Each structure stands twice: as structure tokens, then as C-alpha cells.
C-alpha atoms as a PDB file:
ATOM      1  CA  MET A   1      26.770  30.670  74.165  1.00  0.00           C
ATOM      2  CA  ILE A   2      25.553  32.063  70.853  1.00  0.00           C
ATOM      3  CA  TYR A   3      25.342  29.733  67.873  1.00  0.00           C
ATOM      4  CA  GLN A   4      25.344  31.324  64.439  1.00  0.00           C
ATOM      5  CA  ALA A   5      24.900  30.110  60.896  1.00  0.00           C
ATOM      6  CA  GLU A   6      24.379  31.399  57.392  1.00  0.00           C
ATOM      7  CA  ILE A   7      22.520  29.021  55.100  1.00  0.00           C
ATOM      8  CA  PRO A   8      22.414  29.845  51.355  1.00  0.00           C
ATOM      9  CA  LEU A   9      18.792  28.772  50.871  1.00  0.00           C
ATOM     10  CA  CYS A  10      15.486  30.543  50.485  1.00  0.00           C
ATOM     11  CA  ALA A  11      13.261  29.759  53.455  1.00  0.00           C
ATOM     12  CA  VAL A  12      10.025  27.985  52.622  1.00  0.00           C
ATOM     13  CA  SER A  13       6.645  27.997  54.278  1.00  0.00           C
ATOM     14  CA  LYS A  14       5.135  24.866  55.769  1.00  0.00           C
ATOM     15  CA  SER A  15       1.583  26.185  55.651  1.00  0.00           C
ATOM     16  CA  ASN A  16      -0.489  24.409  53.018  1.00  0.00           C
ATOM     17  CA  SER A  17       2.438  22.086  52.262  1.00  0.00           C
ATOM     18  CA  TYR A  18       0.991  18.852  53.628  1.00  0.00           C
ATOM     19  CA  LYS A  19      -0.603  16.092  51.616  1.00  0.00           C
ATOM     20  CA  VAL A  20      -1.983  12.702  52.538  1.00  0.00           C
ATOM     21  CA  GLY A  21       0.442   9.940  51.643  1.00  0.00           C
ATOM     22  CA  ARG A  22       0.407   6.200  52.092  1.00  0.00           C
ATOM     23  CA  ASN A  23      -1.507   4.800  55.023  1.00  0.00           C
ATOM     24  CA  ASN A  24      -3.355   8.136  55.339  1.00  0.00           C
ATOM     25  CA  ARG A  25      -0.273   9.767  56.877  1.00  0.00           C
ATOM     26  CA  LEU A  26       0.457  13.452  56.387  1.00  0.00           C
ATOM     27  CA  LYS A  27       3.561  14.189  54.362  1.00  0.00           C
ATOM     28  CA  VAL A  28       5.160  17.497  53.399  1.00  0.00           C
ATOM     29  CA  ASN A  29       5.510  18.374  49.743  1.00  0.00           C
ATOM     30  CA  LYS A  30       8.756  17.931  47.814  1.00  0.00           C
ATOM     31  CA  GLU A  31       9.770  21.602  48.119  1.00  0.00           C
ATOM     32  CA  VAL A  32       9.659  21.486  51.922  1.00  0.00           C
ATOM     33  CA  GLU A  33      11.302  18.067  52.018  1.00  0.00           C
ATOM     34  CA  THR A  34      14.175  19.328  49.826  1.00  0.00           C
ATOM     35  CA  PHE A  35      14.545  22.504  51.898  1.00  0.00           C
ATOM     36  CA  GLU A  36      14.730  20.523  55.146  1.00  0.00           C
ATOM     37  CA  TYR A  37      17.320  18.114  53.715  1.00  0.00           C
ATOM     38  CA  PHE A  38      19.670  20.861  52.506  1.00  0.00           C
ATOM     39  CA  PHE A  39      19.134  23.124  55.532  1.00  0.00           C
ATOM     40  CA  ILE A  40      20.234  20.342  57.889  1.00  0.00           C
ATOM     41  CA  LYS A  41      23.101  19.329  55.591  1.00  0.00           C
ATOM     42  CA  LEU A  42      24.407  22.930  55.438  1.00  0.00           C
ATOM     43  CA  LEU A  43      23.949  23.656  59.147  1.00  0.00           C
ATOM     44  CA  PRO A  44      27.369  23.868  60.853  1.00  0.00           C
ATOM     45  CA  GLU A  45      28.229  20.995  63.205  1.00  0.00           C
ATOM     46  CA  GLN A  46      28.636  23.416  66.115  1.00  0.00           C
ATOM     47  CA  VAL A  47      24.989  24.448  65.738  1.00  0.00           C
ATOM     48  CA  LYS A  48      23.798  20.860  65.256  1.00  0.00           C
ATOM     49  CA  ASN A  49      25.555  19.890  68.483  1.00  0.00           C
ATOM     50  CA  ALA A  50      24.084  22.745  70.549  1.00  0.00           C
ATOM     51  CA  ASN A  51      21.411  20.418  71.995  1.00  0.00           C
ATOM     52  CA  ILE A  52      19.595  23.282  73.744  1.00  0.00           C
ATOM     53  CA  LYS A  53      17.117  21.941  76.307  1.00  0.00           C
ATOM     54  CA  LYS A  54      16.242  25.262  77.974  1.00  0.00           C
ATOM     55  CA  PRO A  55      14.178  28.237  76.802  1.00  0.00           C
ATOM     56  CA  PHE A  56      15.975  29.899  73.909  1.00  0.00           C
ATOM     57  CA  LYS A  57      16.003  32.938  71.665  1.00  0.00           C
ATOM     58  CA  LEU A  58      16.175  32.696  67.874  1.00  0.00           C
ATOM     59  CA  VAL A  59      17.033  35.645  65.653  1.00  0.00           C
ATOM     60  CA  LEU A  60      16.385  35.101  61.951  1.00  0.00           C
ATOM     61  CA  ASP A  61      17.313  37.350  59.050  1.00  0.00           C
ATOM     62  CA  LEU A  62      15.757  35.979  55.893  1.00  0.00           C
ATOM     63  CA  TRP A  63      16.691  37.127  52.418  1.00  0.00           C
ATOM     64  CA  LEU A  64      13.678  36.030  50.388  1.00  0.00           C
ATOM     65  CA  GLN A  65      13.294  36.027  46.620  1.00  0.00           C
ATOM     66  CA  ASN A  66      10.235  38.253  46.480  1.00  0.00           C
ATOM     67  CA  LYS A  67       8.166  40.538  48.682  1.00  0.00           C
ATOM     68  CA  ASN A  68       5.122  38.251  48.509  1.00  0.00           C
ATOM     69  CA  GLN A  69       6.694  35.504  50.592  1.00  0.00           C
ATOM     70  CA  ASP A  70       5.291  35.436  54.126  1.00  0.00           C
ATOM     71  CA  LEU A  71       7.847  35.937  56.831  1.00  0.00           C
ATOM     72  CA  ASP A  72       5.839  34.317  59.626  1.00  0.00           C
ATOM     73  CA  ASN A  73       5.241  31.030  57.820  1.00  0.00           C
ATOM     74  CA  CYS A  74       8.976  30.451  57.343  1.00  0.00           C
ATOM     75  CA  SER A  75       9.703  30.163  61.066  1.00  0.00           C
ATOM     76  CA  LYS A  76       7.977  26.785  61.435  1.00  0.00           C
ATOM     77  CA  SER A  77      10.114  25.047  58.835  1.00  0.00           C
ATOM     78  CA  ILE A  78      13.320  26.511  60.288  1.00  0.00           C
ATOM     79  CA  LEU A  79      12.405  25.555  63.863  1.00  0.00           C
ATOM     80  CA  ASP A  80      11.511  22.036  62.739  1.00  0.00           C
ATOM     81  CA  CYS A  81      14.873  21.730  60.996  1.00  0.00           C
ATOM     82  CA  LEU A  82      16.739  22.912  64.094  1.00  0.00           C
ATOM     83  CA  GLU A  83      14.890  20.301  66.139  1.00  0.00           C
ATOM     84  CA  THR A  84      15.541  17.496  63.645  1.00  0.00           C
ATOM     85  CA  ALA A  85      19.229  18.449  63.454  1.00  0.00           C
ATOM     86  CA  GLY A  86      19.588  18.313  67.251  1.00  0.00           C
ATOM     87  CA  ALA A  87      20.324  22.009  67.755  1.00  0.00           C
ATOM     88  CA  ILE A  88      17.260  22.330  69.995  1.00  0.00           C
ATOM     89  CA  TYR A  89      15.434  19.689  71.994  1.00  0.00           C
ATOM     90  CA  ASN A  90      11.953  20.976  71.205  1.00  0.00           C
ATOM     91  CA  ASP A  91      10.730  24.019  69.304  1.00  0.00           C
ATOM     92  CA  ASN A  92       8.220  24.744  72.073  1.00  0.00           C
ATOM     93  CA  LEU A  93      11.214  26.011  74.084  1.00  0.00           C
ATOM     94  CA  CYS A  94      11.436  29.045  71.792  1.00  0.00           C
ATOM     95  CA  TYR A  95      10.520  31.925  74.099  1.00  0.00           C
ATOM     96  CA  GLU A  96      11.794  34.737  71.927  1.00  0.00           C
ATOM     97  CA  LEU A  97      11.708  34.905  68.129  1.00  0.00           C
ATOM     98  CA  ILE A  98      12.963  37.892  66.174  1.00  0.00           C
ATOM     99  CA  MET A  99      12.583  37.856  62.392  1.00  0.00           C
ATOM    100  CA  ARG A 100      13.590  40.336  59.737  1.00  0.00           C
ATOM    101  CA  LYS A 101      12.714  40.152  56.052  1.00  0.00           C
ATOM    102  CA  HIS A 102      15.039  41.251  53.271  1.00  0.00           C
ATOM    103  CA  ILE A 103      14.614  40.813  49.523  1.00  0.00           C
ATOM    104  CA  ASP A 104      17.341  39.406  47.288  1.00  0.00           C
ATOM    105  CA  GLU A 105      16.079  37.693  44.151  1.00  0.00           C
ATOM    106  CA  GLU A 106      19.458  36.242  43.228  1.00  0.00           C
ATOM    107  CA  ASN A 107      21.013  35.350  46.587  1.00  0.00           C
ATOM    108  CA  PRO A 108      18.409  34.189  49.101  1.00  0.00           C
ATOM    109  CA  LYS A 109      19.803  33.090  52.445  1.00  0.00           C
ATOM    110  CA  ILE A 110      19.054  32.539  56.090  1.00  0.00           C
ATOM    111  CA  LYS A 111      21.153  33.997  58.894  1.00  0.00           C
ATOM    112  CA  LEU A 112      20.391  32.711  62.366  1.00  0.00           C
ATOM    113  CA  LYS A 113      21.544  33.358  65.903  1.00  0.00           C
ATOM    114  CA  LEU A 114      20.498  30.862  68.539  1.00  0.00           C
ATOM    115  CA  SER A 115      21.085  31.284  72.272  1.00  0.00           C
ATOM    116  CA  GLU A 116      19.773  30.013  75.593  1.00  0.00           C
ATOM    117  CA  LEU A 117      17.844  32.469  77.739  1.00  0.00           C
ATOM    118  CA  GLY A 118      18.790  33.140  81.333  1.00  0.00           C
END
């Protein structure tokens, strides 16, 4: 089965987004925290309920707000969100990742296709 979603958010990078919080624990910055909250909230229930526990393929088309945003750093935050939402059991099961970068200053978004392999 193929699970698809379109999320009207600009993907954010998790690199360099950690800070030390209380009790010396690492915590992501507010931008990443906000992105994760809204990504999961906007993710369709069908995708959240996928519960993929086998190797999977993820295709991402990202409409970013400017050409300077790194495409590769966005995948980590999206995979973490999919795991937190329950769409995938563990992001280490991602065996194939295809990403394409587009620029749209006014309408950033994320389109994803998620499917089990084999």
C-alpha cells in the first residue's frame, strides 16, 4: 500500500537545532518543536495508522522558501515525525529515500509517499 500526504509546512533542519535544557538533557529548539507539532497534527490519519514495521521507501518533494535551505538536513526531522506519529516503527527501516527540492517562497509544502518494500 502507498500512503500519501501533502503538508502545508516548510521543512526544517534538525542539524544544529539542539540545546541543553534542564537536567543536562538535549532539547530541540522552538522552530523544530513547532514544526514537529504541526506536521504530526496535519498528517492524515491513514498515514499515522500505517504502522510500517518492514523496510520502506520514502519519496519526499519539498517546496522550500529559498534555495539556501539544505535538502538533506530536512529528512531527519520528517522521519522523526513519521516515527512519533506511528506511521513507521523506526526510521532505521528506511531503505530507500528519494528527495526533490523545489522553491516556493509563498507556499512551502511537503509531499510524501510512503510504502513498504518487497
